[in-house]
Amino acid sequence: MLAANLMALGLWLFQEGGEAAATSFDPISMWRSMGWPARTVVIVLFIMSAWSIGVMIDRWIAFSSARKQSRVFAPAVAGALKDGKIDEAISIAEQNKRSHLAKVVTAGLQEFQAHQASTEISGETIEASKRALERAAAIVHAELKRGVSTLATIGSTAPFVGLFGTVLGIIHAFQGISSAKSTGLAAVAGGIAEALVTTAIGLFVAIPAVWIYNYFTTKVESFDVEMDNSSSELIDYFIKRSSRGKK
């Protein structure tokens, strides 16, 4: 009995497959068979994909430049400060403007230099420099995270946009059944393909966006730690210099 049922099912699929053979599933044919609501969904998904790719490229360039220049800046400014050459340290920082460390250290050094009226360094001068470092670190943090939250938004919403296209595709499939007065594969193939395509595109857009968002978030956290450490080291330098000035 089971074998007979399977043979009957295979015969039915073969017959219906002949009816559906005219339906082509290459991208151009599927695009032409889509209704405008589903096409709009696909267009929106491609815009989201292009936007996320733009953010990825922009942040990748920014982070790579920050990392590269910081590797040059850190030892150079450490040597200048060791010799007590604050002007030279500021000049080095200005030559590495893409470095996140340089942006923070420059703010602290300039504030320190502006308040240093004599050889004696007061606690007020150190506190002013500390506040300048904190403000600069907050600004640089915001600059580093620019656009990254967009990836999270795209990653969380793209599957739902694709699901909306899936619903439209199912509706299109039922319209095909109604128009053809038939429930065969040929009547629903276009609508089902339309539904699956929008779902696949939604996932294709969302998955890379979520991966890169998590990666960039980790990078920003790493940069934050480096800026905090640099700020602490600079404040320690000011305190030690103040102690030497009082002797």
Protein backbone atom coordinates (compact mmCIF):
# COMPACT_ATOMS: atom_id res chain seq x y z
CA MET A 1 0.00 0.00 0.00
CA LEU A 2 2.84 2.41 0.91
CA ALA A 3 4.63 1.69 -2.36
CA ALA A 4 1.42 2.32 -4.29
CA ASN A 5 0.90 5.65 -2.51
CA LEU A 6 4.47 6.74 -3.22
CA MET A 7 4.09 5.82 -6.88
CA ALA A 8 0.87 7.81 -7.09
CA LEU A 9 2.52 10.83 -5.42
CA GLY A 10 5.48 10.60 -7.79
CA LEU A 11 3.18 10.43 -10.80
CA TRP A 12 1.25 13.49 -9.59
CA LEU A 13 4.45 15.48 -9.02
CA PHE A 14 5.70 14.46 -12.48
CA GLN A 15 2.48 15.64 -14.09
CA GLU A 16 2.40 18.87 -12.15
CA GLY A 17 6.09 19.39 -12.78
CA GLY A 18 5.33 19.36 -16.48
CA GLU A 19 2.87 22.17 -15.94
CA ALA A 20 5.41 24.12 -13.86
CA ALA A 21 8.24 23.58 -16.32
CA ALA A 22 7.45 26.88 -17.97
CA THR A 23 8.25 28.69 -14.74
CA SER A 24 11.86 29.84 -14.74
CA PHE A 25 13.71 30.48 -11.49
CA ASP A 26 16.61 32.59 -12.67
CA PRO A 27 16.87 36.04 -10.96
CA ILE A 28 15.61 38.05 -13.95
CA SER A 29 12.56 35.83 -14.49
CA MET A 30 11.70 35.86 -10.79
CA TRP A 31 12.05 39.65 -10.71
CA ARG A 32 9.67 39.95 -13.65
CA SER A 33 7.18 37.59 -12.02
CA MET A 34 7.16 39.54 -8.75
CA GLY A 35 4.46 42.03 -7.95
CA TRP A 36 5.47 45.58 -7.15
CA PRO A 37 4.93 45.16 -3.38
CA ALA A 38 7.49 42.34 -3.32
CA ARG A 39 9.82 44.28 -5.62
CA THR A 40 9.64 47.20 -3.20
CA VAL A 41 10.67 44.88 -0.36
CA VAL A 42 13.64 43.61 -2.37
CA ILE A 43 14.69 47.17 -3.24
CA VAL A 44 14.50 48.18 0.43
CA LEU A 45 16.63 45.18 1.40
CA PHE A 46 19.26 46.04 -1.19
CA ILE A 47 19.35 49.64 0.06
CA MET A 48 19.86 48.32 3.60
CA SER A 49 22.61 46.04 2.33
CA ALA A 50 24.37 48.88 0.50
CA TRP A 51 24.09 51.08 3.57
CA SER A 52 25.57 48.42 5.84
CA ILE A 53 28.42 47.77 3.39
CA GLY A 54 29.16 51.50 3.31
CA VAL A 55 29.30 51.62 7.11
CA MET A 56 31.53 48.53 7.19
CA ILE A 57 34.02 50.05 4.74
CA ASP A 58 34.02 53.45 6.47
CA ARG A 59 34.55 51.99 9.97
CA TRP A 60 37.15 49.50 8.73
CA ILE A 61 39.22 52.32 7.20
CA ALA A 62 38.81 54.47 10.33
CA PHE A 63 39.77 51.69 12.72
CA SER A 64 42.72 50.54 10.61
CA SER A 65 44.06 54.11 10.39
CA ALA A 66 43.59 54.65 14.12
CA ARG A 67 45.43 51.44 14.94
CA LYS A 68 48.26 52.08 12.48
CA GLN A 69 48.92 55.67 13.58
CA SER A 70 48.61 54.81 17.28
CA ARG A 71 51.42 52.28 16.93
CA VAL A 72 53.64 55.08 15.60
CA PHE A 73 52.35 57.73 18.00
CA ALA A 74 52.61 55.89 21.33
CA PRO A 75 56.39 55.28 21.45
CA ALA A 76 57.20 58.65 19.86
CA VAL A 77 55.14 60.70 22.34
CA ALA A 78 56.42 58.59 25.25
CA GLY A 79 59.99 59.51 24.29
CA ALA A 80 59.15 63.20 24.01
CA LEU A 81 57.42 63.29 27.40
CA LYS A 82 60.30 61.39 28.99
CA ASP A 83 62.55 64.27 27.92
CA GLY A 84 59.99 66.81 29.16
CA LYS A 85 59.29 68.13 25.64
CA ILE A 86 55.54 68.84 25.77
CA ASP A 87 55.58 71.01 22.63
CA GLU A 88 57.23 68.20 20.70
CA ALA A 89 54.67 65.71 22.07
CA ILE A 90 51.81 67.95 20.89
CA SER A 91 53.47 68.25 17.48
CA ILE A 92 53.76 64.46 17.21
CA ALA A 93 50.09 64.12 18.13
CA GLU A 94 49.06 66.61 15.45
CA GLN A 95 50.96 64.56 12.87
CA ASN A 96 48.84 61.50 13.76
CA LYS A 97 45.37 63.00 13.76
CA ARG A 98 43.67 59.71 12.88
CA SER A 99 45.01 58.06 16.03
CA HIS A 100 42.45 57.76 18.82
CA LEU A 101 45.25 57.99 21.37
CA ALA A 102 46.65 61.15 19.80
CA LYS A 103 43.27 62.91 19.95
CA VAL A 104 42.93 62.19 23.67
CA VAL A 105 46.53 62.89 24.65
CA THR A 106 46.57 66.16 22.69
CA ALA A 107 43.60 67.48 24.65
CA GLY A 108 45.27 66.68 27.96
CA LEU A 109 48.63 68.15 26.95
CA GLN A 110 47.13 71.35 25.59
CA GLU A 111 45.05 71.86 28.73
CA PHE A 112 48.09 71.18 30.89
CA GLN A 113 50.22 73.60 28.88
CA ALA A 114 47.54 76.33 29.02
CA HIS A 115 47.32 76.18 32.84
CA GLN A 116 51.05 75.86 33.46
CA ALA A 117 51.96 79.46 34.25
CA SER A 118 55.12 78.57 36.15
CA THR A 119 57.41 75.66 36.89
CA GLU A 120 55.17 74.70 39.82
CA ILE A 121 52.29 72.46 38.83
CA SER A 122 49.16 72.80 40.96
CA GLY A 123 46.51 70.22 41.67
CA GLU A 124 44.04 72.41 39.81
CA THR A 125 46.13 72.13 36.66
CA ILE A 126 46.17 68.35 36.91
CA GLU A 127 42.41 68.21 37.51
CA ALA A 128 41.77 70.46 34.52
CA SER A 129 43.91 68.19 32.35
CA LYS A 130 42.06 65.14 33.66
CA ARG A 131 38.70 66.66 32.74
CA ALA A 132 40.02 67.54 29.29
CA LEU A 133 41.14 63.94 28.81
CA GLU A 134 37.73 62.62 29.84
CA ARG A 135 35.93 64.99 27.46
CA ALA A 136 38.24 64.07 24.58
CA ALA A 137 37.81 60.34 25.28
CA ALA A 138 34.01 60.70 25.22
CA ILE A 139 34.16 62.59 21.91
CA VAL A 140 36.51 60.05 20.32
CA HIS A 141 34.30 57.20 21.56
CA ALA A 142 31.31 58.78 19.83
CA GLU A 143 33.35 59.22 16.64
CA LEU A 144 34.47 55.59 16.68
CA LYS A 145 30.89 54.35 17.15
CA ARG A 146 29.48 56.55 14.38
CA GLY A 147 27.37 54.34 12.13
CA VAL A 148 28.00 51.14 14.07
CA SER A 149 24.53 51.23 15.65
CA THR A 150 23.13 51.29 12.10
CA LEU A 151 24.49 47.78 11.60
CA ALA A 152 22.59 46.60 14.68
CA THR A 153 19.40 48.19 13.37
CA ILE A 154 19.82 46.60 9.94
CA GLY A 155 20.71 43.24 11.45
CA SER A 156 17.60 43.21 13.63
CA THR A 157 15.11 44.56 11.09
CA ALA A 158 16.21 42.96 7.79
CA PRO A 159 14.75 39.51 8.67
CA PHE A 160 11.40 41.13 9.44
CA VAL A 161 11.48 43.06 6.17
CA GLY A 162 12.20 39.76 4.42
CA LEU A 163 9.36 38.14 6.36
CA PHE A 164 7.05 40.89 5.16
CA GLY A 165 8.08 40.02 1.62
CA THR A 166 7.37 36.37 2.42
CA VAL A 167 3.82 37.26 3.43
CA LEU A 168 3.39 39.20 0.19
CA GLY A 169 4.70 36.20 -1.76
CA ILE A 170 2.22 33.86 -0.08
CA ILE A 171 -0.58 36.28 -0.90
CA HIS A 172 0.65 36.31 -4.49
CA ALA A 173 0.61 32.49 -4.49
CA PHE A 174 -3.01 32.39 -3.34
CA GLN A 175 -3.90 34.97 -5.98
CA GLY A 176 -2.30 32.64 -8.54
CA ILE A 177 -4.46 29.78 -7.29
CA SER A 178 -7.56 31.93 -7.52
CA SER A 179 -6.75 33.16 -11.03
CA ALA A 180 -5.81 29.74 -12.40
CA LYS A 181 -8.72 27.95 -10.69
CA SER A 182 -6.15 25.29 -9.84
CA THR A 183 -4.05 24.15 -6.90
CA GLY A 184 -1.20 22.72 -8.98
CA LEU A 185 2.46 23.67 -8.69
CA ALA A 186 2.24 25.93 -11.71
CA ALA A 187 -0.35 28.08 -9.94
CA VAL A 188 1.73 28.66 -6.81
CA ALA A 189 5.34 28.28 -7.99
CA GLY A 190 5.85 31.97 -8.73
CA GLY A 191 4.41 33.15 -5.42
CA ILE A 192 6.32 30.59 -3.36
CA ALA A 193 9.57 31.47 -5.14
CA GLU A 194 8.88 35.15 -4.51
CA ALA A 195 8.32 34.43 -0.81
CA LEU A 196 11.50 32.37 -0.47
CA VAL A 197 13.63 34.91 -2.35
CA THR A 198 12.66 37.80 -0.05
CA THR A 199 13.29 35.63 3.01
CA ALA A 200 16.72 34.62 1.72
CA ILE A 201 17.68 38.21 0.88
CA GLY A 202 16.56 39.38 4.33
CA LEU A 203 18.82 36.81 6.00
CA PHE A 204 21.66 37.59 3.57
CA VAL A 205 21.51 41.24 4.63
CA ALA A 206 21.04 40.62 8.37
CA ILE A 207 23.67 37.97 9.14
CA PRO A 208 26.79 39.91 7.98
CA ALA A 209 25.48 43.08 9.61
CA VAL A 210 25.15 41.35 13.00
CA TRP A 211 28.58 39.72 12.71
CA ILE A 212 30.34 42.96 11.79
CA TYR A 213 28.42 44.91 14.45
CA ASN A 214 29.69 42.56 17.16
CA TYR A 215 33.23 42.77 15.75
CA PHE A 216 33.21 46.57 15.62
CA THR A 217 31.73 46.81 19.11
CA THR A 218 34.61 44.72 20.42
CA LYS A 219 37.10 46.96 18.61
CA VAL A 220 35.57 50.12 20.09
CA GLU A 221 35.72 48.62 23.58
CA SER A 222 39.39 47.83 22.97
CA PHE A 223 40.02 51.42 21.87
CA ASP A 224 38.23 52.68 25.00
CA VAL A 225 40.55 50.65 27.21
CA GLU A 226 43.59 52.01 25.38
CA MET A 227 42.37 55.60 25.75
CA ASP A 228 41.66 55.12 29.46
CA ASN A 229 45.13 53.66 29.99
CA SER A 230 46.78 56.50 28.07
CA SER A 231 44.82 59.08 30.07
CA SER A 232 45.84 57.44 33.35
CA GLU A 233 49.49 57.29 32.30
CA LEU A 234 49.44 60.95 31.28
CA ILE A 235 47.91 62.00 34.61
CA ASP A 236 50.58 59.95 36.39
CA TYR A 237 53.19 61.80 34.33
CA PHE A 238 51.76 65.16 35.40
CA ILE A 239 51.72 64.10 39.05
CA LYS A 240 55.33 62.90 38.91
CA ARG A 241 56.37 66.11 37.20
CA SER A 242 54.56 68.08 39.88
CA SER A 243 56.37 66.14 42.59
CA ARG A 244 59.73 66.83 40.96
CA GLY A 245 58.88 70.53 40.71
CA LYS A 246 58.23 70.80 44.44
CA LYS A 247 61.63 69.35 45.38
